[in-house]
Structure formats: C-alpha cells, structure tokens
Amino acid sequence: MFKGKKVLVLGLAKSGKAAVELLKFMHADITINESKKKEDIPEYDKYVSEGIEMVCGGQPDELFERDFDFVVKNPGINYHAPFILRLKERGIPVYTEIELGYKVAKKQHYIAVTGTNGKTTTTALTAHILSSEYKAEPCGNYGVPPCDLLDKDVDFM
C-alpha cells in the first residue's frame, strides 16, 4: 500500500512515532521533520541508521518544496501554518496519524468523539462501557495512537 511512497512525517510526539513505525513496516521512504535539535531527539541515531532522513531544528522552506506522496502531521500543528498551506497549495495530501491508521485498519465500526469540552471523559466512559462486550480501545488524543493498535503481523501490502 505504501511501499516506496515518499512520506514526510511532521513532529515526533507520540502520534508521529507511531506513524513512523507503521510507515517503516509498510516500507515507505520516510523523511521526519522535528523542530527539536537532533541532540534532543532520543531516536535520532536509530532512525538515521534505519535509512530515515531527519530534518531537525525547524521547518526549512526547501523541505516543503520537495515532492512527497503525502504528509503525516502532528495534531498540534495548525492546518493554517504557512508550511502546511504550501504543501496543500502544491497538491500534496496532509493527513494526521489518525487518518493514516484508518486508511490501513481493517473495516470495522468506529466511534469518534468531538467537541469542545468533555471529550476525554466521554471517550473513557464509552470505551469502558463497550469493553464489557467488545474489544474497545480508546485511541487518538486520549489513549494510544491508532497506528499502535494495528496488528502488524497482517500483510497490509
């Protein structure tokens, strides 16, 4: 599905790391952009040794002029940030890790909780209630990143 695709991952918080692991498993060509300096990224040497390009310390303009098949952004990055707008202007799809996980996951029922207040409580309560009858996992901003829930023993190719 993603074999050989050129993917830019923006941000290495919990969701970014989960996206990187899934994309590695699926043999994508990964570039990571993290605003932290390389010495502040514990996984830096590991990722570089695995053939992942690391662009650290900011968002250089030249990075957003490169050709990527798609971008996976950290949920904390605003869709109106100039570099995100530039990617969209160039027709490069920008997804979140949740969308990446959904694209790969088997077809099943999902419940999404949105709103201004009470999302964490509602998500926790819903997962608790459903877990008495189903395998329900809270994921996203609350719980684990969706990409971490995928069974990587399955052949997604």
N, C-alpha and C. Protein backbone atom coordinates (compact mmCIF):
# COMPACT_ATOMS: atom_id res chain seq x y z
N MET A 1 0.81 -1.20 0.00
CA MET A 1 0.00 0.00 0.00
C MET A 1 0.86 1.27 0.00
N PHE A 2 1.89 1.31 0.87
CA PHE A 2 2.75 2.50 0.95
C PHE A 2 4.19 2.20 0.53
N LYS A 3 4.45 1.01 0.02
CA LYS A 3 5.81 0.64 -0.35
C LYS A 3 6.37 1.62 -1.38
N GLY A 4 7.53 2.21 -1.05
CA GLY A 4 8.18 3.15 -1.95
C GLY A 4 7.59 4.54 -1.98
N LYS A 5 6.50 4.77 -1.26
CA LYS A 5 5.89 6.12 -1.22
C LYS A 5 6.80 7.05 -0.41
N LYS A 6 6.95 8.26 -0.89
CA LYS A 6 7.75 9.27 -0.20
C LYS A 6 6.83 10.01 0.77
N VAL A 7 7.12 9.86 2.07
CA VAL A 7 6.25 10.40 3.10
C VAL A 7 7.05 11.31 4.04
N LEU A 8 6.48 12.48 4.30
CA LEU A 8 7.05 13.40 5.28
C LEU A 8 6.22 13.29 6.55
N VAL A 9 6.89 13.03 7.68
CA VAL A 9 6.23 12.99 8.98
C VAL A 9 6.65 14.25 9.73
N LEU A 10 5.67 15.06 10.10
CA LEU A 10 5.92 16.32 10.80
C LEU A 10 5.66 16.15 12.29
N GLY A 11 6.72 16.15 13.08
CA GLY A 11 6.60 16.05 14.53
C GLY A 11 6.78 14.63 15.02
N LEU A 12 7.54 14.51 16.12
CA LEU A 12 7.84 13.19 16.68
C LEU A 12 7.24 13.00 18.06
N ALA A 13 6.10 13.58 18.30
CA ALA A 13 5.41 13.27 19.54
C ALA A 13 4.89 11.84 19.43
N LYS A 14 4.09 11.44 20.35
CA LYS A 14 3.56 10.07 20.40
C LYS A 14 2.95 9.63 19.06
N SER A 15 2.15 10.47 18.45
CA SER A 15 1.50 10.09 17.19
C SER A 15 2.49 10.02 16.04
N GLY A 16 3.47 10.90 16.02
CA GLY A 16 4.48 10.88 14.96
C GLY A 16 5.31 9.62 15.00
N LYS A 17 5.69 9.20 16.20
CA LYS A 17 6.47 7.96 16.35
C LYS A 17 5.65 6.76 15.90
N ALA A 18 4.37 6.75 16.25
CA ALA A 18 3.50 5.64 15.83
C ALA A 18 3.38 5.60 14.31
N ALA A 19 3.23 6.76 13.69
CA ALA A 19 3.15 6.84 12.22
C ALA A 19 4.44 6.33 11.59
N VAL A 20 5.58 6.74 12.14
CA VAL A 20 6.88 6.30 11.61
C VAL A 20 6.99 4.78 11.67
N GLU A 21 6.60 4.19 12.79
CA GLU A 21 6.71 2.73 12.93
C GLU A 21 5.84 2.01 11.91
N LEU A 22 4.63 2.49 11.70
CA LEU A 22 3.74 1.87 10.71
C LEU A 22 4.30 2.05 9.30
N LEU A 23 4.76 3.24 8.99
CA LEU A 23 5.30 3.52 7.66
C LEU A 23 6.58 2.70 7.40
N LYS A 24 7.40 2.51 8.42
CA LYS A 24 8.59 1.65 8.27
C LYS A 24 8.16 0.23 7.94
N PHE A 25 7.18 -0.27 8.68
CA PHE A 25 6.67 -1.62 8.46
C PHE A 25 6.15 -1.79 7.04
N MET A 26 5.59 -0.71 6.52
CA MET A 26 4.99 -0.77 5.18
C MET A 26 5.97 -0.32 4.09
N HIS A 27 7.24 -0.18 4.45
CA HIS A 27 8.33 0.09 3.51
C HIS A 27 8.20 1.41 2.76
N ALA A 28 7.72 2.43 3.46
CA ALA A 28 7.67 3.76 2.86
C ALA A 28 9.05 4.39 2.94
N ASP A 29 9.31 5.38 2.12
CA ASP A 29 10.53 6.18 2.13
C ASP A 29 10.22 7.40 3.01
N ILE A 30 10.76 7.42 4.22
CA ILE A 30 10.34 8.39 5.25
C ILE A 30 11.34 9.51 5.45
N THR A 31 10.82 10.73 5.54
CA THR A 31 11.57 11.90 5.99
C THR A 31 10.83 12.41 7.22
N ILE A 32 11.58 12.68 8.28
CA ILE A 32 10.98 13.23 9.51
C ILE A 32 11.45 14.66 9.68
N ASN A 33 10.51 15.54 10.00
CA ASN A 33 10.84 16.91 10.35
C ASN A 33 10.41 17.13 11.79
N GLU A 34 11.38 17.50 12.62
CA GLU A 34 11.13 17.76 14.04
C GLU A 34 11.76 19.09 14.39
N SER A 35 11.02 19.93 15.13
CA SER A 35 11.54 21.26 15.47
C SER A 35 12.66 21.20 16.51
N LYS A 36 12.74 20.11 17.27
CA LYS A 36 13.83 19.97 18.25
C LYS A 36 15.16 19.77 17.54
N LYS A 37 16.24 20.08 18.24
CA LYS A 37 17.58 19.81 17.74
C LYS A 37 17.85 18.31 17.81
N LYS A 38 18.71 17.81 16.92
CA LYS A 38 18.94 16.37 16.85
C LYS A 38 19.42 15.79 18.18
N GLU A 39 20.21 16.54 18.93
CA GLU A 39 20.71 16.02 20.22
C GLU A 39 19.59 15.89 21.26
N ASP A 40 18.44 16.49 21.00
CA ASP A 40 17.30 16.40 21.91
C ASP A 40 16.28 15.34 21.47
N ILE A 41 16.64 14.56 20.45
CA ILE A 41 15.75 13.51 19.94
C ILE A 41 16.37 12.15 20.24
N PRO A 42 15.87 11.44 21.25
CA PRO A 42 16.48 10.16 21.63
C PRO A 42 16.55 9.14 20.49
N GLU A 43 15.59 9.17 19.57
CA GLU A 43 15.52 8.18 18.49
C GLU A 43 16.34 8.58 17.26
N TYR A 44 17.00 9.73 17.31
CA TYR A 44 17.67 10.26 16.12
C TYR A 44 18.60 9.22 15.47
N ASP A 45 19.56 8.70 16.21
CA ASP A 45 20.54 7.75 15.65
C ASP A 45 19.86 6.49 15.14
N LYS A 46 18.87 6.00 15.85
CA LYS A 46 18.14 4.80 15.44
C LYS A 46 17.48 5.03 14.09
N TYR A 47 16.76 6.13 13.96
CA TYR A 47 16.06 6.42 12.71
C TYR A 47 17.05 6.59 11.55
N VAL A 48 18.13 7.32 11.77
CA VAL A 48 19.12 7.53 10.71
C VAL A 48 19.73 6.19 10.29
N SER A 49 20.02 5.32 11.27
CA SER A 49 20.61 4.01 10.94
C SER A 49 19.62 3.14 10.16
N GLU A 50 18.34 3.44 10.27
CA GLU A 50 17.32 2.69 9.53
C GLU A 50 17.03 3.31 8.15
N GLY A 51 17.80 4.33 7.79
CA GLY A 51 17.65 4.95 6.48
C GLY A 51 16.61 6.04 6.40
N ILE A 52 16.17 6.53 7.55
CA ILE A 52 15.18 7.61 7.58
C ILE A 52 15.92 8.94 7.60
N GLU A 53 15.50 9.84 6.74
CA GLU A 53 16.10 11.17 6.72
C GLU A 53 15.49 12.00 7.86
N MET A 54 16.37 12.66 8.61
CA MET A 54 15.93 13.50 9.71
C MET A 54 16.26 14.97 9.39
N VAL A 55 15.25 15.83 9.44
CA VAL A 55 15.44 17.27 9.26
C VAL A 55 15.02 17.90 10.58
N CYS A 56 16.00 18.41 11.33
CA CYS A 56 15.74 18.85 12.70
C CYS A 56 16.01 20.34 12.88
N GLY A 57 15.46 20.88 13.96
CA GLY A 57 15.76 22.25 14.36
C GLY A 57 14.90 23.32 13.71
N GLY A 58 13.81 22.96 13.08
CA GLY A 58 12.93 23.95 12.45
C GLY A 58 12.30 23.40 11.20
N GLN A 59 11.63 24.26 10.49
CA GLN A 59 10.95 23.87 9.25
C GLN A 59 11.55 24.66 8.09
N PRO A 60 12.63 24.15 7.47
CA PRO A 60 13.24 24.88 6.36
C PRO A 60 12.34 24.91 5.14
N ASP A 61 12.26 26.06 4.49
CA ASP A 61 11.39 26.24 3.33
C ASP A 61 11.63 25.19 2.25
N GLU A 62 12.90 24.83 2.01
CA GLU A 62 13.22 23.88 0.94
C GLU A 62 12.55 22.52 1.16
N LEU A 63 12.35 22.15 2.40
CA LEU A 63 11.72 20.86 2.69
C LEU A 63 10.31 20.79 2.09
N PHE A 64 9.61 21.90 2.13
CA PHE A 64 8.22 21.93 1.68
C PHE A 64 8.07 22.19 0.18
N GLU A 65 9.23 22.25 -0.48
CA GLU A 65 9.25 22.33 -1.94
C GLU A 65 9.57 20.97 -2.56
N ARG A 66 9.89 20.01 -1.73
CA ARG A 66 10.19 18.66 -2.22
C ARG A 66 8.89 17.95 -2.60
N ASP A 67 9.06 16.90 -3.39
CA ASP A 67 7.90 16.10 -3.79
C ASP A 67 7.69 14.94 -2.83
N PHE A 68 6.58 14.96 -2.14
CA PHE A 68 6.17 13.87 -1.26
C PHE A 68 4.84 13.33 -1.78
N ASP A 69 4.60 12.04 -1.56
CA ASP A 69 3.31 11.47 -1.94
C ASP A 69 2.23 11.92 -0.97
N PHE A 70 2.60 12.04 0.30
CA PHE A 70 1.70 12.60 1.30
C PHE A 70 2.49 12.96 2.54
N VAL A 71 1.84 13.68 3.45
CA VAL A 71 2.44 14.15 4.69
C VAL A 71 1.57 13.70 5.85
N VAL A 72 2.21 13.29 6.94
CA VAL A 72 1.50 12.97 8.18
C VAL A 72 1.94 14.01 9.20
N LYS A 73 0.99 14.82 9.67
CA LYS A 73 1.33 15.90 10.58
C LYS A 73 0.89 15.60 12.01
N ASN A 74 1.63 16.16 12.94
CA ASN A 74 1.27 16.11 14.35
C ASN A 74 -0.03 16.87 14.53
N PRO A 75 -0.94 16.36 15.38
CA PRO A 75 -2.22 17.06 15.56
C PRO A 75 -2.07 18.47 16.13
N GLY A 76 -0.94 18.76 16.76
CA GLY A 76 -0.71 20.09 17.32
C GLY A 76 -0.30 21.13 16.29
N ILE A 77 0.01 20.69 15.07
CA ILE A 77 0.41 21.62 14.03
C ILE A 77 -0.85 22.15 13.35
N ASN A 78 -0.98 23.45 13.34
CA ASN A 78 -2.16 24.11 12.79
C ASN A 78 -2.22 23.92 11.27
N TYR A 79 -3.41 23.61 10.77
CA TYR A 79 -3.60 23.46 9.33
C TYR A 79 -3.35 24.77 8.57
N HIS A 80 -3.28 25.89 9.30
CA HIS A 80 -3.06 27.18 8.65
C HIS A 80 -1.60 27.65 8.78
N ALA A 81 -0.74 26.77 9.30
CA ALA A 81 0.70 27.12 9.35
C ALA A 81 1.18 27.30 7.91
N PRO A 82 2.05 28.28 7.68
CA PRO A 82 2.49 28.55 6.30
C PRO A 82 3.04 27.33 5.56
N PHE A 83 3.80 26.49 6.22
CA PHE A 83 4.37 25.31 5.53
C PHE A 83 3.29 24.28 5.20
N ILE A 84 2.24 24.19 6.01
CA ILE A 84 1.13 23.28 5.69
C ILE A 84 0.34 23.84 4.50
N LEU A 85 0.11 25.13 4.52
CA LEU A 85 -0.60 25.77 3.40
C LEU A 85 0.18 25.60 2.09
N ARG A 86 1.52 25.67 2.18
CA ARG A 86 2.35 25.48 0.98
C ARG A 86 2.20 24.06 0.45
N LEU A 87 2.20 23.07 1.32
CA LEU A 87 2.03 21.68 0.88
C LEU A 87 0.68 21.51 0.19
N LYS A 88 -0.36 22.06 0.79
CA LYS A 88 -1.71 21.95 0.21
C LYS A 88 -1.77 22.68 -1.14
N GLU A 89 -1.15 23.84 -1.20
CA GLU A 89 -1.12 24.62 -2.44
C GLU A 89 -0.47 23.80 -3.56
N ARG A 90 0.50 22.99 -3.21
CA ARG A 90 1.20 22.15 -4.18
C ARG A 90 0.46 20.84 -4.46
N GLY A 91 -0.67 20.63 -3.80
CA GLY A 91 -1.48 19.44 -4.05
C GLY A 91 -1.00 18.20 -3.32
N ILE A 92 -0.19 18.37 -2.28
CA ILE A 92 0.30 17.23 -1.51
C ILE A 92 -0.67 16.98 -0.36
N PRO A 93 -1.26 15.79 -0.28
CA PRO A 93 -2.21 15.49 0.79
C PRO A 93 -1.55 15.55 2.17
N VAL A 94 -2.25 16.14 3.13
CA VAL A 94 -1.77 16.25 4.50
C VAL A 94 -2.77 15.52 5.40
N TYR A 95 -2.27 14.49 6.09
CA TYR A 95 -3.11 13.67 6.97
C TYR A 95 -2.62 13.78 8.41
N THR A 96 -3.44 13.32 9.32
CA THR A 96 -3.00 13.12 10.70
C THR A 96 -2.72 11.63 10.87
N GLU A 97 -2.11 11.28 11.97
CA GLU A 97 -1.81 9.87 12.25
C GLU A 97 -3.10 9.07 12.36
N ILE A 98 -4.15 9.69 12.87
CA ILE A 98 -5.44 9.01 12.96
C ILE A 98 -5.93 8.61 11.57
N GLU A 99 -5.82 9.53 10.61
CA GLU A 99 -6.23 9.22 9.23
C GLU A 99 -5.37 8.12 8.62
N LEU A 100 -4.06 8.16 8.89
CA LEU A 100 -3.16 7.12 8.39
C LEU A 100 -3.58 5.76 8.93
N GLY A 101 -3.82 5.69 10.23
CA GLY A 101 -4.26 4.43 10.84
C GLY A 101 -5.57 3.93 10.25
N TYR A 102 -6.49 4.84 10.02
CA TYR A 102 -7.79 4.48 9.46
C TYR A 102 -7.65 3.93 8.04
N LYS A 103 -6.74 4.51 7.25
CA LYS A 103 -6.53 4.05 5.88
C LYS A 103 -6.02 2.61 5.85
N VAL A 104 -5.28 2.21 6.88
CA VAL A 104 -4.65 0.90 6.91
C VAL A 104 -5.49 -0.13 7.67
N ALA A 105 -6.27 0.31 8.63
CA ALA A 105 -7.02 -0.60 9.50
C ALA A 105 -8.08 -1.36 8.73
N LYS A 106 -8.40 -2.53 9.28
CA LYS A 106 -9.48 -3.30 8.66
C LYS A 106 -10.79 -2.53 8.83
N LYS A 107 -11.72 -2.84 7.95
CA LYS A 107 -13.02 -2.18 8.01
C LYS A 107 -13.78 -2.71 9.23
N GLN A 108 -14.20 -1.81 10.08
CA GLN A 108 -14.92 -2.16 11.30
C GLN A 108 -15.66 -0.93 11.78
N HIS A 109 -16.35 -1.03 12.87
CA HIS A 109 -17.08 0.10 13.42
C HIS A 109 -16.15 0.97 14.26
N TYR A 110 -16.31 2.27 14.12
CA TYR A 110 -15.54 3.23 14.89
C TYR A 110 -16.50 4.21 15.53
N ILE A 111 -16.11 4.73 16.67
CA ILE A 111 -16.85 5.81 17.31
C ILE A 111 -15.88 6.98 17.45
N ALA A 112 -16.28 8.13 16.97
CA ALA A 112 -15.45 9.33 17.08
C ALA A 112 -16.13 10.31 18.03
N VAL A 113 -15.34 10.88 18.91
CA VAL A 113 -15.85 11.85 19.87
C VAL A 113 -15.21 13.20 19.56
N THR A 114 -16.04 14.19 19.30
CA THR A 114 -15.53 15.53 19.00
C THR A 114 -16.25 16.53 19.90
N GLY A 115 -15.80 17.75 19.88
CA GLY A 115 -16.46 18.79 20.66
C GLY A 115 -15.45 19.66 21.37
N THR A 116 -15.96 20.54 22.21
CA THR A 116 -15.11 21.48 22.92
C THR A 116 -14.72 20.98 24.29
N ASN A 117 -15.69 20.48 25.03
CA ASN A 117 -15.44 20.02 26.41
C ASN A 117 -15.96 18.60 26.60
N GLY A 118 -15.26 17.84 27.44
CA GLY A 118 -15.75 16.53 27.83
C GLY A 118 -15.34 15.37 26.94
N LYS A 119 -14.45 15.60 25.98
CA LYS A 119 -14.08 14.51 25.06
C LYS A 119 -13.37 13.37 25.78
N THR A 120 -12.44 13.68 26.66
CA THR A 120 -11.68 12.64 27.35
C THR A 120 -12.60 11.81 28.23
N THR A 121 -13.44 12.45 28.98
CA THR A 121 -14.39 11.74 29.86
C THR A 121 -15.34 10.88 29.03
N THR A 122 -15.88 11.44 27.97
CA THR A 122 -16.80 10.70 27.12
C THR A 122 -16.11 9.50 26.47
N THR A 123 -14.89 9.70 26.01
CA THR A 123 -14.13 8.62 25.38
C THR A 123 -13.85 7.51 26.38
N ALA A 124 -13.39 7.89 27.56
CA ALA A 124 -13.07 6.89 28.60
C ALA A 124 -14.33 6.12 28.99
N LEU A 125 -15.41 6.80 29.19
CA LEU A 125 -16.66 6.16 29.59
C LEU A 125 -17.18 5.23 28.49
N THR A 126 -17.15 5.69 27.26
CA THR A 126 -17.61 4.88 26.13
C THR A 126 -16.77 3.62 25.98
N ALA A 127 -15.45 3.76 26.06
CA ALA A 127 -14.56 2.59 25.95
C ALA A 127 -14.82 1.62 27.10
N HIS A 128 -15.02 2.14 28.28
CA HIS A 128 -15.27 1.29 29.45
C HIS A 128 -16.58 0.50 29.27
N ILE A 129 -17.62 1.18 28.85
CA ILE A 129 -18.92 0.52 28.65
C ILE A 129 -18.82 -0.54 27.55
N LEU A 130 -18.22 -0.19 26.43
CA LEU A 130 -18.13 -1.12 25.30
C LEU A 130 -17.22 -2.31 25.59
N SER A 131 -16.21 -2.11 26.43
CA SER A 131 -15.24 -3.18 26.68
C SER A 131 -15.83 -4.38 27.42
N SER A 132 -17.03 -4.23 27.98
CA SER A 132 -17.68 -5.37 28.62
C SER A 132 -18.19 -6.37 27.58
N GLU A 133 -18.43 -5.92 26.37
CA GLU A 133 -18.95 -6.78 25.30
C GLU A 133 -18.03 -6.90 24.09
N TYR A 134 -17.18 -5.90 23.87
CA TYR A 134 -16.37 -5.81 22.66
C TYR A 134 -14.93 -5.50 23.02
N LYS A 135 -14.06 -5.68 22.03
CA LYS A 135 -12.69 -5.23 22.20
C LYS A 135 -12.66 -3.76 21.82
N ALA A 136 -12.76 -2.89 22.80
CA ALA A 136 -12.81 -1.45 22.57
C ALA A 136 -11.56 -0.82 23.15
N GLU A 137 -10.90 -0.01 22.35
CA GLU A 137 -9.68 0.68 22.78
C GLU A 137 -9.82 2.17 22.54
N PRO A 138 -9.62 2.99 23.57
CA PRO A 138 -9.60 4.43 23.32
C PRO A 138 -8.30 4.78 22.61
N CYS A 139 -8.40 5.58 21.58
CA CYS A 139 -7.19 5.97 20.86
C CYS A 139 -7.36 7.38 20.30
N GLY A 140 -6.26 7.95 19.89
CA GLY A 140 -6.28 9.31 19.38
C GLY A 140 -5.62 10.22 20.40
N ASN A 141 -6.19 11.38 20.63
CA ASN A 141 -5.61 12.30 21.61
C ASN A 141 -5.68 11.73 23.03
N TYR A 142 -6.62 10.84 23.26
CA TYR A 142 -6.74 10.13 24.53
C TYR A 142 -6.54 8.65 24.24
N GLY A 143 -5.69 8.00 24.98
CA GLY A 143 -5.40 6.60 24.70
C GLY A 143 -4.12 6.49 23.88
N VAL A 144 -4.01 5.43 23.14
CA VAL A 144 -2.81 5.20 22.34
C VAL A 144 -3.02 5.69 20.91
N PRO A 145 -1.94 5.98 20.20
CA PRO A 145 -2.11 6.36 18.79
C PRO A 145 -2.73 5.20 18.00
N PRO A 146 -3.68 5.48 17.12
CA PRO A 146 -4.31 4.40 16.34
C PRO A 146 -3.32 3.51 15.60
N CYS A 147 -2.24 4.08 15.09
CA CYS A 147 -1.26 3.26 14.37
C CYS A 147 -0.61 2.22 15.26
N ASP A 148 -0.58 2.47 16.58
CA ASP A 148 -0.02 1.49 17.51
C ASP A 148 -0.98 0.32 17.77
N LEU A 149 -2.23 0.47 17.41
CA LEU A 149 -3.21 -0.59 17.64
C LEU A 149 -3.31 -1.59 16.49
N LEU A 150 -2.70 -1.26 15.36
CA LEU A 150 -2.82 -2.13 14.20
C LEU A 150 -1.98 -3.39 14.39
N ASP A 151 -2.53 -4.50 13.97
CA ASP A 151 -1.83 -5.77 14.06
C ASP A 151 -0.81 -5.84 12.94
N LYS A 152 0.44 -5.65 13.29
CA LYS A 152 1.49 -5.59 12.27
C LYS A 152 1.91 -6.97 11.78
N ASP A 153 1.25 -8.03 12.27
CA ASP A 153 1.52 -9.36 11.74
C ASP A 153 0.72 -9.60 10.46
N VAL A 154 -0.22 -8.70 10.18
CA VAL A 154 -1.06 -8.82 8.99
C VAL A 154 -0.33 -8.17 7.81
N ASP A 155 -0.45 -8.76 6.64
CA ASP A 155 0.17 -8.21 5.46
C ASP A 155 -0.73 -7.13 4.87
N PHE A 156 -0.32 -5.85 5.01
CA PHE A 156 -1.11 -4.74 4.52
C PHE A 156 -0.82 -4.39 3.07
N MET A 157 0.18 -5.02 2.47
CA MET A 157 0.63 -4.61 1.14
C MET A 157 -0.43 -4.86 0.09
